[in-house]
């Protein structure tokens, strides 16, 4: 951040000079004198009240550096503090008033792991159902240092709690990123047709309830048509047959009608 102290000093001196010039000009040119005094007074008032526009400057700085412009967030208290709107909704869903909460979740979501790739953060977007693992996270804002038990629970669309993990965590004043030291493995047998929930508590007190959904991928759709013994389902067999027949030539169809298991390319070449 550039040093604005010299600039403020010159503006204060400019305000004083304008006030003096305005006083000197009052006897001869009252209108000009009043204008100079008003301008000088405004400059002095602006420098003596730096909080008037400093928050706007901080807000602009953070907005320019925001790498997730598609994520919904709401600035609170100061422009420098970014609080995500979905986090506030999660706090309210837990029955907490965000304006009075001492321990406030300002960001939360899920880290998604696929293969050897780096985890990808999902906040409000549907999570691809071909993920290998998911790991919830929350960023907590505290007014002072504290130690407590932070518990994460994940509830599927059937209302079943399929993940519970609790850790004793030391929290500093300000913002703290907290995530459980465990991940939830994802598999085809899980219910993914409706909303899932992440429930976060601290020493038994609710902090947030965050809802998220799943997005069906092509891999999941194909796996759904494979039976437990590895055989293709009748629905998938019919679909594959339609695609195969659509690409066959007339000669290939005639060869199948003759009882051949496979079309004979050499025979087609002879007929040509």
C-alpha atoms as a PDB file:
ATOM      1  CA  UNK A   1       0.000   0.000   0.000  1.00  0.00           C
ATOM      2  CA  UNK A   2       1.488   3.454  -0.923  1.00  0.00           C
ATOM      3  CA  UNK A   3       2.314   5.873   1.870  1.00  0.00           C
ATOM      4  CA  UNK A   4      -0.359   8.592   1.961  1.00  0.00           C
ATOM      5  CA  UNK A   5       1.107  10.560   4.891  1.00  0.00           C
ATOM      6  CA  UNK A   6       2.857  13.269   2.741  1.00  0.00           C
ATOM      7  CA  UNK A   7      -0.279  13.705   0.669  1.00  0.00           C
ATOM      8  CA  UNK A   8      -2.386  14.243   3.773  1.00  0.00           C
ATOM      9  CA  UNK A   9       0.113  16.777   5.141  1.00  0.00           C
ATOM     10  CA  UNK A  10      -0.020  18.848   1.944  1.00  0.00           C
ATOM     11  CA  UNK A  11      -3.817  18.737   1.961  1.00  0.00           C
ATOM     12  CA  UNK A  12      -3.886  19.980   5.563  1.00  0.00           C
ATOM     13  CA  UNK A  13      -1.489  22.836   4.689  1.00  0.00           C
ATOM     14  CA  UNK A  14      -3.557  23.639   1.609  1.00  0.00           C
ATOM     15  CA  UNK A  15      -6.700  23.820   3.707  1.00  0.00           C
ATOM     16  CA  UNK A  16      -5.039  26.216   6.173  1.00  0.00           C
ATOM     17  CA  UNK A  17      -3.758  28.465   3.365  1.00  0.00           C
ATOM     18  CA  UNK A  18      -7.188  28.549   1.731  1.00  0.00           C
ATOM     19  CA  UNK A  19      -8.752  29.582   5.029  1.00  0.00           C
ATOM     20  CA  UNK A  20      -6.211  32.406   5.459  1.00  0.00           C
ATOM     21  CA  UNK A  21      -6.607  33.643   1.870  1.00  0.00           C
ATOM     22  CA  UNK A  22     -10.360  33.540   2.281  1.00  0.00           C
ATOM     23  CA  UNK A  23     -10.190  35.666   5.424  1.00  0.00           C
ATOM     24  CA  UNK A  24      -7.947  38.189   3.669  1.00  0.00           C
ATOM     25  CA  UNK A  25     -10.267  38.358   0.671  1.00  0.00           C
ATOM     26  CA  UNK A  26     -13.443  38.926   2.700  1.00  0.00           C
ATOM     27  CA  UNK A  27     -13.236  42.761   2.938  1.00  0.00           C
ATOM     28  CA  UNK A  28     -12.861  43.276  -0.835  1.00  0.00           C
ATOM     29  CA  UNK A  29     -14.351  40.146  -2.442  1.00  0.00           C
ATOM     30  CA  UNK A  30     -16.763  38.551   0.003  1.00  0.00           C
ATOM     31  CA  UNK A  31     -17.978  35.860  -2.399  1.00  0.00           C
ATOM     32  CA  UNK A  32     -14.475  34.677  -3.319  1.00  0.00           C
ATOM     33  CA  UNK A  33     -13.424  34.807   0.307  1.00  0.00           C
ATOM     34  CA  UNK A  34     -16.340  32.641   1.407  1.00  0.00           C
ATOM     35  CA  UNK A  35     -15.620  30.155  -1.363  1.00  0.00           C
ATOM     36  CA  UNK A  36     -11.944  29.838  -0.397  1.00  0.00           C
ATOM     37  CA  UNK A  37     -12.832  29.430   3.264  1.00  0.00           C
ATOM     38  CA  UNK A  38     -15.404  26.737   2.464  1.00  0.00           C
ATOM     39  CA  UNK A  39     -12.907  24.843   0.310  1.00  0.00           C
ATOM     40  CA  UNK A  40     -10.195  25.082   2.938  1.00  0.00           C
ATOM     41  CA  UNK A  41     -12.568  23.964   5.677  1.00  0.00           C
ATOM     42  CA  UNK A  42     -13.656  20.967   3.605  1.00  0.00           C
ATOM     43  CA  UNK A  43     -10.036  19.869   3.072  1.00  0.00           C
ATOM     44  CA  UNK A  44      -9.305  20.108   6.787  1.00  0.00           C
ATOM     45  CA  UNK A  45     -12.487  18.250   7.712  1.00  0.00           C
ATOM     46  CA  UNK A  46     -11.656  15.469   5.250  1.00  0.00           C
ATOM     47  CA  UNK A  47      -8.190  14.944   6.705  1.00  0.00           C
ATOM     48  CA  UNK A  48      -9.397  15.117  10.297  1.00  0.00           C
ATOM     49  CA  UNK A  49     -11.991  12.404   9.515  1.00  0.00           C
ATOM     50  CA  UNK A  50     -10.000   9.794   7.518  1.00  0.00           C
ATOM     51  CA  UNK A  51     -12.588   7.068   8.099  1.00  0.00           C
ATOM     52  CA  UNK A  52     -15.055   8.759   5.778  1.00  0.00           C
ATOM     53  CA  UNK A  53     -13.651   7.172   2.633  1.00  0.00           C
ATOM     54  CA  UNK A  54     -11.005   4.708   3.817  1.00  0.00           C
ATOM     55  CA  UNK A  55     -13.443   1.798   3.904  1.00  0.00           C
ATOM     56  CA  UNK A  56     -14.395   2.409   0.295  1.00  0.00           C
ATOM     57  CA  UNK A  57     -10.732   2.261  -0.660  1.00  0.00           C
ATOM     58  CA  UNK A  58     -10.237  -1.045   1.131  1.00  0.00           C
ATOM     59  CA  UNK A  59     -13.375  -2.450  -0.493  1.00  0.00           C
ATOM     60  CA  UNK A  60     -12.129  -1.519  -3.956  1.00  0.00           C
ATOM     61  CA  UNK A  61      -8.739  -3.082  -3.240  1.00  0.00           C
ATOM     62  CA  UNK A  62     -10.256  -6.413  -2.207  1.00  0.00           C
ATOM     63  CA  UNK A  63     -12.720  -6.403  -5.078  1.00  0.00           C
ATOM     64  CA  UNK A  64      -9.886  -5.918  -7.585  1.00  0.00           C
ATOM     65  CA  UNK A  65      -7.928  -8.833  -6.095  1.00  0.00           C
ATOM     66  CA  UNK A  66     -10.910 -11.199  -5.845  1.00  0.00           C
ATOM     67  CA  UNK A  67     -10.227 -14.325  -7.914  1.00  0.00           C
ATOM     68  CA  UNK A  68     -13.735 -15.766  -7.472  1.00  0.00           C
ATOM     69  CA  UNK A  69     -15.942 -13.087  -8.955  1.00  0.00           C
ATOM     70  CA  UNK A  70     -18.740 -15.610  -9.542  1.00  0.00           C
ATOM     71  CA  UNK A  71     -19.090 -16.356  -5.809  1.00  0.00           C
ATOM     72  CA  UNK A  72     -21.758 -14.503  -3.886  1.00  0.00           C
ATOM     73  CA  UNK A  73     -20.424 -12.529  -0.911  1.00  0.00           C
ATOM     74  CA  UNK A  74     -21.441  -9.610   1.290  1.00  0.00           C
ATOM     75  CA  UNK A  75     -19.001  -7.088   2.874  1.00  0.00           C
ATOM     76  CA  UNK A  76     -19.725  -6.542   6.580  1.00  0.00           C
ATOM     77  CA  UNK A  77     -18.534  -3.943   9.114  1.00  0.00           C
ATOM     78  CA  UNK A  78     -15.513  -2.924   7.016  1.00  0.00           C
ATOM     79  CA  UNK A  79     -14.932  -3.129   3.305  1.00  0.00           C
ATOM     80  CA  UNK A  80     -11.700  -5.052   3.936  1.00  0.00           C
ATOM     81  CA  UNK A  81     -13.590  -8.002   5.438  1.00  0.00           C
ATOM     82  CA  UNK A  82     -15.230 -10.310   2.956  1.00  0.00           C
ATOM     83  CA  UNK A  83     -18.089 -12.369   4.363  1.00  0.00           C
ATOM     84  CA  UNK A  84     -19.750 -14.765   1.927  1.00  0.00           C
ATOM     85  CA  UNK A  85     -23.510 -14.528   1.630  1.00  0.00           C
ATOM     86  CA  UNK A  86     -23.944 -18.308   1.597  1.00  0.00           C
ATOM     87  CA  UNK A  87     -22.056 -18.447   4.916  1.00  0.00           C
ATOM     88  CA  UNK A  88     -24.485 -15.964   6.445  1.00  0.00           C
ATOM     89  CA  UNK A  89     -27.405 -18.049   5.185  1.00  0.00           C
ATOM     90  CA  UNK A  90     -25.830 -21.120   6.790  1.00  0.00           C
ATOM     91  CA  UNK A  91     -25.533 -19.251  10.099  1.00  0.00           C
ATOM     92  CA  UNK A  92     -29.182 -18.207   9.958  1.00  0.00           C
ATOM     93  CA  UNK A  93     -30.210 -21.764   9.039  1.00  0.00           C
ATOM     94  CA  UNK A  94     -28.537 -22.904  12.267  1.00  0.00           C
ATOM     95  CA  UNK A  95     -30.753 -20.464  14.205  1.00  0.00           C
ATOM     96  CA  UNK A  96     -28.004 -17.902  14.891  1.00  0.00           C
ATOM     97  CA  UNK A  97     -28.198 -14.146  14.324  1.00  0.00           C
ATOM     98  CA  UNK A  98     -25.055 -13.212  12.318  1.00  0.00           C
ATOM     99  CA  UNK A  99     -25.098  -9.674  13.726  1.00  0.00           C
ATOM    100  CA  UNK A 100     -24.688 -10.887  17.313  1.00  0.00           C
ATOM    101  CA  UNK A 101     -22.636 -14.079  16.844  1.00  0.00           C
ATOM    102  CA  UNK A 102     -19.295 -14.024  18.670  1.00  0.00           C
ATOM    103  CA  UNK A 103     -17.973 -16.944  16.588  1.00  0.00           C
ATOM    104  CA  UNK A 104     -19.050 -16.164  13.024  1.00  0.00           C
ATOM    105  CA  UNK A 105     -18.517 -18.454   9.999  1.00  0.00           C
ATOM    106  CA  UNK A 106     -17.521 -16.088   7.172  1.00  0.00           C
ATOM    107  CA  UNK A 107     -16.809 -18.764   4.548  1.00  0.00           C
ATOM    108  CA  UNK A 108     -17.516 -22.486   4.224  1.00  0.00           C
ATOM    109  CA  UNK A 109     -17.849 -25.220   1.658  1.00  0.00           C
ATOM    110  CA  UNK A 110     -16.293 -28.468   0.473  1.00  0.00           C
ATOM    111  CA  UNK A 111     -12.894 -29.455  -0.898  1.00  0.00           C
ATOM    112  CA  UNK A 112     -13.313 -32.061  -3.651  1.00  0.00           C
ATOM    113  CA  UNK A 113     -10.580 -34.627  -4.370  1.00  0.00           C
ATOM    114  CA  UNK A 114     -10.372 -36.498  -7.676  1.00  0.00           C
ATOM    115  CA  UNK A 115      -7.466 -38.829  -8.353  1.00  0.00           C
ATOM    116  CA  UNK A 116      -4.064 -37.236  -7.892  1.00  0.00           C
ATOM    117  CA  UNK A 117      -5.329 -33.753  -8.765  1.00  0.00           C
ATOM    118  CA  UNK A 118      -5.194 -30.870  -6.315  1.00  0.00           C
ATOM    119  CA  UNK A 119      -8.451 -30.379  -4.388  1.00  0.00           C
ATOM    120  CA  UNK A 120     -11.026 -27.999  -5.831  1.00  0.00           C
ATOM    121  CA  UNK A 121     -13.111 -25.753  -3.570  1.00  0.00           C
ATOM    122  CA  UNK A 122     -16.891 -25.822  -4.041  1.00  0.00           C
ATOM    123  CA  UNK A 123     -19.044 -23.341  -2.146  1.00  0.00           C
ATOM    124  CA  UNK A 124     -22.437 -23.043  -3.828  1.00  0.00           C
ATOM    125  CA  UNK A 125     -21.944 -24.946  -7.095  1.00  0.00           C
ATOM    126  CA  UNK A 126     -23.123 -28.590  -7.422  1.00  0.00           C
ATOM    127  CA  UNK A 127     -20.343 -31.093  -6.740  1.00  0.00           C
ATOM    128  CA  UNK A 128     -19.521 -33.666  -9.462  1.00  0.00           C
ATOM    129  CA  UNK A 129     -20.627 -37.095  -8.285  1.00  0.00           C
ATOM    130  CA  UNK A 130     -17.502 -38.819  -9.627  1.00  0.00           C
ATOM    131  CA  UNK A 131     -15.425 -37.283  -6.820  1.00  0.00           C
ATOM    132  CA  UNK A 132     -13.252 -39.657  -4.816  1.00  0.00           C
ATOM    133  CA  UNK A 133     -13.386 -37.772  -1.494  1.00  0.00           C
ATOM    134  CA  UNK A 134     -14.887 -34.606  -0.062  1.00  0.00           C
ATOM    135  CA  UNK A 135     -13.647 -32.656   2.943  1.00  0.00           C
ATOM    136  CA  UNK A 136     -15.659 -29.792   4.498  1.00  0.00           C
ATOM    137  CA  UNK A 137     -14.081 -26.558   5.681  1.00  0.00           C
ATOM    138  CA  UNK A 138     -15.116 -23.384   7.489  1.00  0.00           C
ATOM    139  CA  UNK A 139     -13.458 -20.045   8.138  1.00  0.00           C
ATOM    140  CA  UNK A 140     -14.359 -18.691  11.571  1.00  0.00           C
ATOM    141  CA  UNK A 141     -13.996 -15.113  12.819  1.00  0.00           C
ATOM    142  CA  UNK A 142     -13.387 -14.677  16.549  1.00  0.00           C
ATOM    143  CA  UNK A 143     -13.044 -11.534  18.697  1.00  0.00           C
ATOM    144  CA  UNK A 144     -10.390 -13.207  20.902  1.00  0.00           C
ATOM    145  CA  UNK A 145      -8.286 -16.357  21.209  1.00  0.00           C
ATOM    146  CA  UNK A 146     -10.111 -19.548  22.177  1.00  0.00           C
ATOM    147  CA  UNK A 147      -9.819 -23.334  22.348  1.00  0.00           C
ATOM    148  CA  UNK A 148     -12.769 -25.585  21.569  1.00  0.00           C
ATOM    149  CA  UNK A 149     -14.062 -28.742  19.936  1.00  0.00           C
ATOM    150  CA  UNK A 150     -15.146 -28.107  16.331  1.00  0.00           C
ATOM    151  CA  UNK A 151     -17.367 -30.870  14.942  1.00  0.00           C
ATOM    152  CA  UNK A 152     -18.269 -31.460  11.292  1.00  0.00           C
ATOM    153  CA  UNK A 153     -21.213 -33.623  10.250  1.00  0.00           C
ATOM    154  CA  UNK A 154     -22.359 -34.499   6.725  1.00  0.00           C
ATOM    155  CA  UNK A 155     -25.967 -35.600   6.213  1.00  0.00           C
ATOM    156  CA  UNK A 156     -27.099 -37.171   2.948  1.00  0.00           C
ATOM    157  CA  UNK A 157     -30.394 -36.579   1.120  1.00  0.00           C
ATOM    158  CA  UNK A 158     -32.029 -39.438   3.070  1.00  0.00           C
ATOM    159  CA  UNK A 159     -31.285 -37.671   6.351  1.00  0.00           C
ATOM    160  CA  UNK A 160     -28.563 -40.138   7.351  1.00  0.00           C
ATOM    161  CA  UNK A 161     -25.440 -38.822   9.103  1.00  0.00           C
ATOM    162  CA  UNK A 162     -22.653 -40.428   7.066  1.00  0.00           C
ATOM    163  CA  UNK A 163     -19.700 -38.394   8.356  1.00  0.00           C
ATOM    164  CA  UNK A 164     -18.832 -37.198  11.870  1.00  0.00           C
ATOM    165  CA  UNK A 165     -15.470 -35.807  12.909  1.00  0.00           C
ATOM    166  CA  UNK A 166     -14.529 -33.625  15.861  1.00  0.00           C
ATOM    167  CA  UNK A 167     -11.171 -32.069  16.728  1.00  0.00           C
ATOM    168  CA  UNK A 168      -9.905 -29.888  19.550  1.00  0.00           C
ATOM    169  CA  UNK A 169      -8.822 -26.692  17.804  1.00  0.00           C
ATOM    170  CA  UNK A 170      -6.879 -23.645  18.993  1.00  0.00           C
ATOM    171  CA  UNK A 171      -8.319 -20.508  17.410  1.00  0.00           C
ATOM    172  CA  UNK A 172      -6.667 -17.115  17.143  1.00  0.00           C
ATOM    173  CA  UNK A 173      -8.280 -13.711  17.196  1.00  0.00           C
ATOM    174  CA  UNK A 174      -9.547 -12.857  13.730  1.00  0.00           C
ATOM    175  CA  UNK A 175      -9.989 -15.410  10.966  1.00  0.00           C
ATOM    176  CA  UNK A 176      -9.254 -19.120  11.334  1.00  0.00           C
ATOM    177  CA  UNK A 177      -9.496 -21.765   8.609  1.00  0.00           C
ATOM    178  CA  UNK A 178     -10.746 -25.024  10.144  1.00  0.00           C
ATOM    179  CA  UNK A 179     -11.152 -28.380   8.413  1.00  0.00           C
ATOM    180  CA  UNK A 180     -11.498 -31.900   9.852  1.00  0.00           C
ATOM    181  CA  UNK A 181      -8.512 -34.248   9.734  1.00  0.00           C
ATOM    182  CA  UNK A 182     -10.568 -36.781   7.762  1.00  0.00           C
ATOM    183  CA  UNK A 183     -12.339 -37.065   4.400  1.00  0.00           C
ATOM    184  CA  UNK A 184     -15.560 -38.695   3.289  1.00  0.00           C
ATOM    185  CA  UNK A 185     -15.123 -41.303   0.510  1.00  0.00           C
ATOM    186  CA  UNK A 186     -17.751 -41.059  -2.242  1.00  0.00           C
ATOM    187  CA  UNK A 187     -19.265 -44.165  -3.846  1.00  0.00           C
ATOM    188  CA  UNK A 188     -22.214 -45.128  -6.038  1.00  0.00           C
ATOM    189  CA  UNK A 189     -24.401 -46.470  -3.230  1.00  0.00           C
ATOM    190  CA  UNK A 190     -24.822 -43.045  -1.629  1.00  0.00           C
ATOM    191  CA  UNK A 191     -28.086 -41.114  -2.055  1.00  0.00           C
ATOM    192  CA  UNK A 192     -27.335 -38.109  -4.257  1.00  0.00           C
ATOM    193  CA  UNK A 193     -30.732 -37.107  -5.641  1.00  0.00           C
ATOM    194  CA  UNK A 194     -31.474 -34.294  -3.163  1.00  0.00           C
ATOM    195  CA  UNK A 195     -29.796 -31.768  -0.894  1.00  0.00           C
ATOM    196  CA  UNK A 196     -26.971 -32.747   1.411  1.00  0.00           C
ATOM    197  CA  UNK A 197     -26.019 -30.793   4.527  1.00  0.00           C
ATOM    198  CA  UNK A 198     -22.876 -29.849   6.380  1.00  0.00           C
ATOM    199  CA  UNK A 199     -23.549 -29.203  10.052  1.00  0.00           C
ATOM    200  CA  UNK A 200     -20.859 -27.422  12.075  1.00  0.00           C
ATOM    201  CA  UNK A 201     -20.881 -27.061  15.871  1.00  0.00           C
ATOM    202  CA  UNK A 202     -18.435 -25.737  18.477  1.00  0.00           C
ATOM    203  CA  UNK A 203     -18.523 -27.336  21.941  1.00  0.00           C
ATOM    204  CA  UNK A 204     -22.037 -28.556  21.165  1.00  0.00           C
ATOM    205  CA  UNK A 205     -23.305 -25.131  20.065  1.00  0.00           C
ATOM    206  CA  UNK A 206     -24.536 -24.823  16.438  1.00  0.00           C
ATOM    207  CA  UNK A 207     -22.513 -22.571  14.145  1.00  0.00           C
ATOM    208  CA  UNK A 208     -23.782 -23.231  10.617  1.00  0.00           C
ATOM    209  CA  UNK A 209     -25.880 -25.546   8.450  1.00  0.00           C
ATOM    210  CA  UNK A 210     -24.784 -25.487   4.811  1.00  0.00           C
ATOM    211  CA  UNK A 211     -26.705 -27.193   1.991  1.00  0.00           C
ATOM    212  CA  UNK A 212     -25.190 -28.452  -1.254  1.00  0.00           C
ATOM    213  CA  UNK A 213     -26.158 -30.664  -4.186  1.00  0.00           C
ATOM    214  CA  UNK A 214     -24.553 -33.140  -6.564  1.00  0.00           C
ATOM    215  CA  UNK A 215     -24.164 -32.963 -10.323  1.00  0.00           C
ATOM    216  CA  UNK A 216     -24.412 -36.231 -12.256  1.00  0.00           C
ATOM    217  CA  UNK A 217     -21.451 -36.935 -14.524  1.00  0.00           C
ATOM    218  CA  UNK A 218     -21.170 -39.290 -17.501  1.00  0.00           C
ATOM    219  CA  UNK A 219     -19.026 -41.703 -15.504  1.00  0.00           C
ATOM    220  CA  UNK A 220     -21.661 -42.010 -12.803  1.00  0.00           C
ATOM    221  CA  UNK A 221     -24.443 -42.423 -15.362  1.00  0.00           C
ATOM    222  CA  UNK A 222     -22.651 -45.369 -17.019  1.00  0.00           C
ATOM    223  CA  UNK A 223     -21.775 -47.028 -13.697  1.00  0.00           C
ATOM    224  CA  UNK A 224     -25.452 -46.884 -12.717  1.00  0.00           C
ATOM    225  CA  UNK A 225     -26.297 -49.248 -15.616  1.00  0.00           C
ATOM    226  CA  UNK A 226     -23.720 -51.866 -14.620  1.00  0.00           C
ATOM    227  CA  UNK A 227     -25.078 -54.630 -12.394  1.00  0.00           C
ATOM    228  CA  UNK A 228     -23.370 -55.919  -9.254  1.00  0.00           C
ATOM    229  CA  UNK A 229     -21.794 -58.859 -11.125  1.00  0.00           C
ATOM    230  CA  UNK A 230     -20.292 -56.542 -13.743  1.00  0.00           C
ATOM    231  CA  UNK A 231     -22.868 -57.239 -16.470  1.00  0.00           C
ATOM    232  CA  UNK A 232     -24.540 -54.454 -18.447  1.00  0.00           C
ATOM    233  CA  UNK A 233     -28.166 -53.706 -17.650  1.00  0.00           C
ATOM    234  CA  UNK A 234     -30.853 -54.364 -20.268  1.00  0.00           C
ATOM    235  CA  UNK A 235     -31.425 -50.615 -20.656  1.00  0.00           C
ATOM    236  CA  UNK A 236     -27.760 -49.969 -21.460  1.00  0.00           C
ATOM    237  CA  UNK A 237     -27.618 -52.986 -23.798  1.00  0.00           C
ATOM    238  CA  UNK A 238     -30.566 -51.605 -25.776  1.00  0.00           C
ATOM    239  CA  UNK A 239     -28.954 -48.176 -25.971  1.00  0.00           C
ATOM    240  CA  UNK A 240     -25.663 -49.613 -27.195  1.00  0.00           C
ATOM    241  CA  UNK A 241     -27.498 -51.748 -29.759  1.00  0.00           C
ATOM    242  CA  UNK A 242     -29.308 -48.692 -31.122  1.00  0.00           C
ATOM    243  CA  UNK A 243     -26.062 -46.772 -31.490  1.00  0.00           C
ATOM    244  CA  UNK A 244     -24.354 -49.697 -33.175  1.00  0.00           C
ATOM    245  CA  UNK A 245     -27.206 -50.357 -35.641  1.00  0.00           C
ATOM    246  CA  UNK A 246     -27.341 -46.679 -36.509  1.00  0.00           C
ATOM    247  CA  UNK A 247     -23.756 -46.828 -37.755  1.00  0.00           C
ATOM    248  CA  UNK A 248     -24.051 -50.102 -39.735  1.00  0.00           C
ATOM    249  CA  UNK A 249     -24.173 -50.216 -43.486  1.00  0.00           C
ATOM    250  CA  UNK A 250     -26.818 -52.022 -45.505  1.00  0.00           C
ATOM    251  CA  UNK A 251     -24.347 -54.787 -46.386  1.00  0.00           C
ATOM    252  CA  UNK A 252     -23.640 -55.355 -42.691  1.00  0.00           C
ATOM    253  CA  UNK A 253     -27.345 -55.650 -41.917  1.00  0.00           C
ATOM    254  CA  UNK A 254     -27.842 -58.139 -44.772  1.00  0.00           C
ATOM    255  CA  UNK A 255     -24.906 -60.202 -43.568  1.00  0.00           C
ATOM    256  CA  UNK A 256     -26.488 -60.404 -40.099  1.00  0.00           C
ATOM    257  CA  UNK A 257     -29.778 -61.524 -41.652  1.00  0.00           C
ATOM    258  CA  UNK A 258     -27.907 -64.329 -43.404  1.00  0.00           C
ATOM    259  CA  UNK A 259     -26.856 -65.629 -39.989  1.00  0.00           C
ATOM    260  CA  UNK A 260     -23.266 -64.442 -39.927  1.00  0.00           C
ATOM    261  CA  UNK A 261     -22.047 -63.335 -36.503  1.00  0.00           C
ATOM    262  CA  UNK A 262     -19.852 -60.598 -37.952  1.00  0.00           C
ATOM    263  CA  UNK A 263     -20.020 -58.756 -41.287  1.00  0.00           C
ATOM    264  CA  UNK A 264     -17.413 -59.890 -43.836  1.00  0.00           C
ATOM    265  CA  UNK A 265     -15.425 -56.880 -45.151  1.00  0.00           C
ATOM    266  CA  UNK A 266     -13.785 -58.980 -47.895  1.00  0.00           C
ATOM    267  CA  UNK A 267     -17.138 -60.120 -49.226  1.00  0.00           C
ATOM    268  CA  UNK A 268     -18.284 -56.516 -49.475  1.00  0.00           C
ATOM    269  CA  UNK A 269     -15.186 -55.620 -51.435  1.00  0.00           C
ATOM    270  CA  UNK A 270     -15.837 -58.443 -53.917  1.00  0.00           C
ATOM    271  CA  UNK A 271     -19.393 -57.278 -54.514  1.00  0.00           C
ATOM    272  CA  UNK A 272     -18.075 -53.777 -55.278  1.00  0.00           C
END
